[in-house]
Amino acid sequence: MRRTRIVAVTLSVALLAALSFAATASWQGTWNYYNDEGALVGQWTAGCGELDGSWGTRTANKSFTQGCAVDM
């Protein structure tokens, strides 16, 4: 019984670590902000080292592009 509990706790910790890594890795990318007409009015890039930064206006009309292919 004790061994089963230790294995279950170990697997749970490993799963949480994997999910945490996946969440961190998927944060790399760029938010693109658009005005009411759909024109690009701003961007914010995060998790991409030297490419991190922002410009323009942040609006509620936005989309997220995962990865570090930044077009600022």
C-alpha atoms as a PDB file:
ATOM      1  CA  MET A   1       0.000   0.000   0.000  1.00  0.00           C
ATOM      2  CA  ARG A   2       2.805   2.421   0.897  1.00  0.00           C
ATOM      3  CA  ARG A   3       4.654   1.701  -2.328  1.00  0.00           C
ATOM      4  CA  THR A   4       1.489   2.370  -4.395  1.00  0.00           C
ATOM      5  CA  ARG A   5       1.049   5.711  -2.646  1.00  0.00           C
ATOM      6  CA  ILE A   6       4.698   6.680  -3.323  1.00  0.00           C
ATOM      7  CA  VAL A   7       4.356   5.761  -7.004  1.00  0.00           C
ATOM      8  CA  ALA A   8       1.109   7.731  -7.290  1.00  0.00           C
ATOM      9  CA  VAL A   9       2.660  10.836  -5.695  1.00  0.00           C
ATOM     10  CA  THR A  10       5.742  10.559  -7.902  1.00  0.00           C
ATOM     11  CA  LEU A  11       3.634  10.273 -11.054  1.00  0.00           C
ATOM     12  CA  SER A  12       1.485  13.219  -9.962  1.00  0.00           C
ATOM     13  CA  VAL A  13       4.536  15.424  -9.421  1.00  0.00           C
ATOM     14  CA  ALA A  14       5.964  14.378 -12.790  1.00  0.00           C
ATOM     15  CA  LEU A  15       2.669  15.171 -14.523  1.00  0.00           C
ATOM     16  CA  LEU A  16       2.458  18.605 -12.885  1.00  0.00           C
ATOM     17  CA  ALA A  17       6.048  19.354 -13.915  1.00  0.00           C
ATOM     18  CA  ALA A  18       5.304  18.360 -17.523  1.00  0.00           C
ATOM     19  CA  LEU A  19       2.152  20.500 -17.632  1.00  0.00           C
ATOM     20  CA  SER A  20       4.034  23.437 -16.138  1.00  0.00           C
ATOM     21  CA  PHE A  21       6.737  23.135 -18.809  1.00  0.00           C
ATOM     22  CA  ALA A  22       4.126  22.898 -21.562  1.00  0.00           C
ATOM     23  CA  ALA A  23       2.373  26.024 -20.302  1.00  0.00           C
ATOM     24  CA  THR A  24       5.667  27.932 -20.161  1.00  0.00           C
ATOM     25  CA  ALA A  25       6.763  26.792 -23.612  1.00  0.00           C
ATOM     26  CA  SER A  26       3.453  27.758 -25.198  1.00  0.00           C
ATOM     27  CA  TRP A  27       3.679  31.329 -23.871  1.00  0.00           C
ATOM     28  CA  GLN A  28       6.294  32.295 -26.484  1.00  0.00           C
ATOM     29  CA  GLY A  29       4.693  34.354 -29.170  1.00  0.00           C
ATOM     30  CA  THR A  30       3.053  37.568 -30.266  1.00  0.00           C
ATOM     31  CA  TRP A  31      -0.281  39.198 -29.498  1.00  0.00           C
ATOM     32  CA  ASN A  32      -1.582  41.097 -32.530  1.00  0.00           C
ATOM     33  CA  TYR A  33      -4.028  43.930 -31.834  1.00  0.00           C
ATOM     34  CA  TYR A  34      -6.570  45.155 -34.400  1.00  0.00           C
ATOM     35  CA  ASN A  35      -8.877  48.162 -34.648  1.00  0.00           C
ATOM     36  CA  ASP A  36     -12.619  47.901 -35.408  1.00  0.00           C
ATOM     37  CA  GLU A  37     -11.904  47.758 -39.148  1.00  0.00           C
ATOM     38  CA  GLY A  38      -9.465  44.845 -38.723  1.00  0.00           C
ATOM     39  CA  ALA A  39      -6.259  46.794 -39.349  1.00  0.00           C
ATOM     40  CA  LEU A  40      -3.206  45.856 -37.275  1.00  0.00           C
ATOM     41  CA  VAL A  41      -2.641  48.648 -34.727  1.00  0.00           C
ATOM     42  CA  GLY A  42      -0.171  47.022 -32.311  1.00  0.00           C
ATOM     43  CA  GLN A  43       1.831  43.977 -31.255  1.00  0.00           C
ATOM     44  CA  TRP A  44       3.312  42.588 -28.048  1.00  0.00           C
ATOM     45  CA  THR A  45       5.922  39.813 -28.183  1.00  0.00           C
ATOM     46  CA  ALA A  46       6.922  37.860 -25.060  1.00  0.00           C
ATOM     47  CA  GLY A  47       9.148  34.908 -24.251  1.00  0.00           C
ATOM     48  CA  CYS A  48      11.405  35.410 -27.264  1.00  0.00           C
ATOM     49  CA  GLY A  49      14.482  37.022 -25.675  1.00  0.00           C
ATOM     50  CA  GLU A  50      15.874  39.823 -27.837  1.00  0.00           C
ATOM     51  CA  LEU A  51      12.669  39.874 -29.898  1.00  0.00           C
ATOM     52  CA  ASP A  52      10.505  40.813 -26.874  1.00  0.00           C
ATOM     53  CA  GLY A  53       8.814  44.172 -27.128  1.00  0.00           C
ATOM     54  CA  SER A  54       5.697  45.999 -28.114  1.00  0.00           C
ATOM     55  CA  TRP A  55       4.456  48.817 -30.296  1.00  0.00           C
ATOM     56  CA  GLY A  56       1.176  50.530 -31.028  1.00  0.00           C
ATOM     57  CA  THR A  57      -2.140  50.249 -29.247  1.00  0.00           C
ATOM     58  CA  ARG A  58      -3.544  47.301 -27.295  1.00  0.00           C
ATOM     59  CA  THR A  59      -7.196  46.623 -28.047  1.00  0.00           C
ATOM     60  CA  ALA A  60      -9.771  43.996 -27.090  1.00  0.00           C
ATOM     61  CA  ASN A  61      -9.726  42.725 -30.701  1.00  0.00           C
ATOM     62  CA  LYS A  62      -6.611  40.539 -30.620  1.00  0.00           C
ATOM     63  CA  SER A  63      -5.109  37.247 -31.708  1.00  0.00           C
ATOM     64  CA  PHE A  64      -2.150  35.220 -30.451  1.00  0.00           C
ATOM     65  CA  THR A  65       0.502  33.660 -32.679  1.00  0.00           C
ATOM     66  CA  GLN A  66       2.604  31.028 -30.913  1.00  0.00           C
ATOM     67  CA  GLY A  67       6.345  30.855 -31.496  1.00  0.00           C
ATOM     68  CA  CYS A  68       9.022  33.460 -32.030  1.00  0.00           C
ATOM     69  CA  ALA A  69       8.578  34.416 -35.691  1.00  0.00           C
ATOM     70  CA  VAL A  70       8.060  38.103 -34.952  1.00  0.00           C
ATOM     71  CA  ASP A  71       7.226  40.575 -37.714  1.00  0.00           C
ATOM     72  CA  MET A  72       7.616  43.874 -35.829  1.00  0.00           C
END
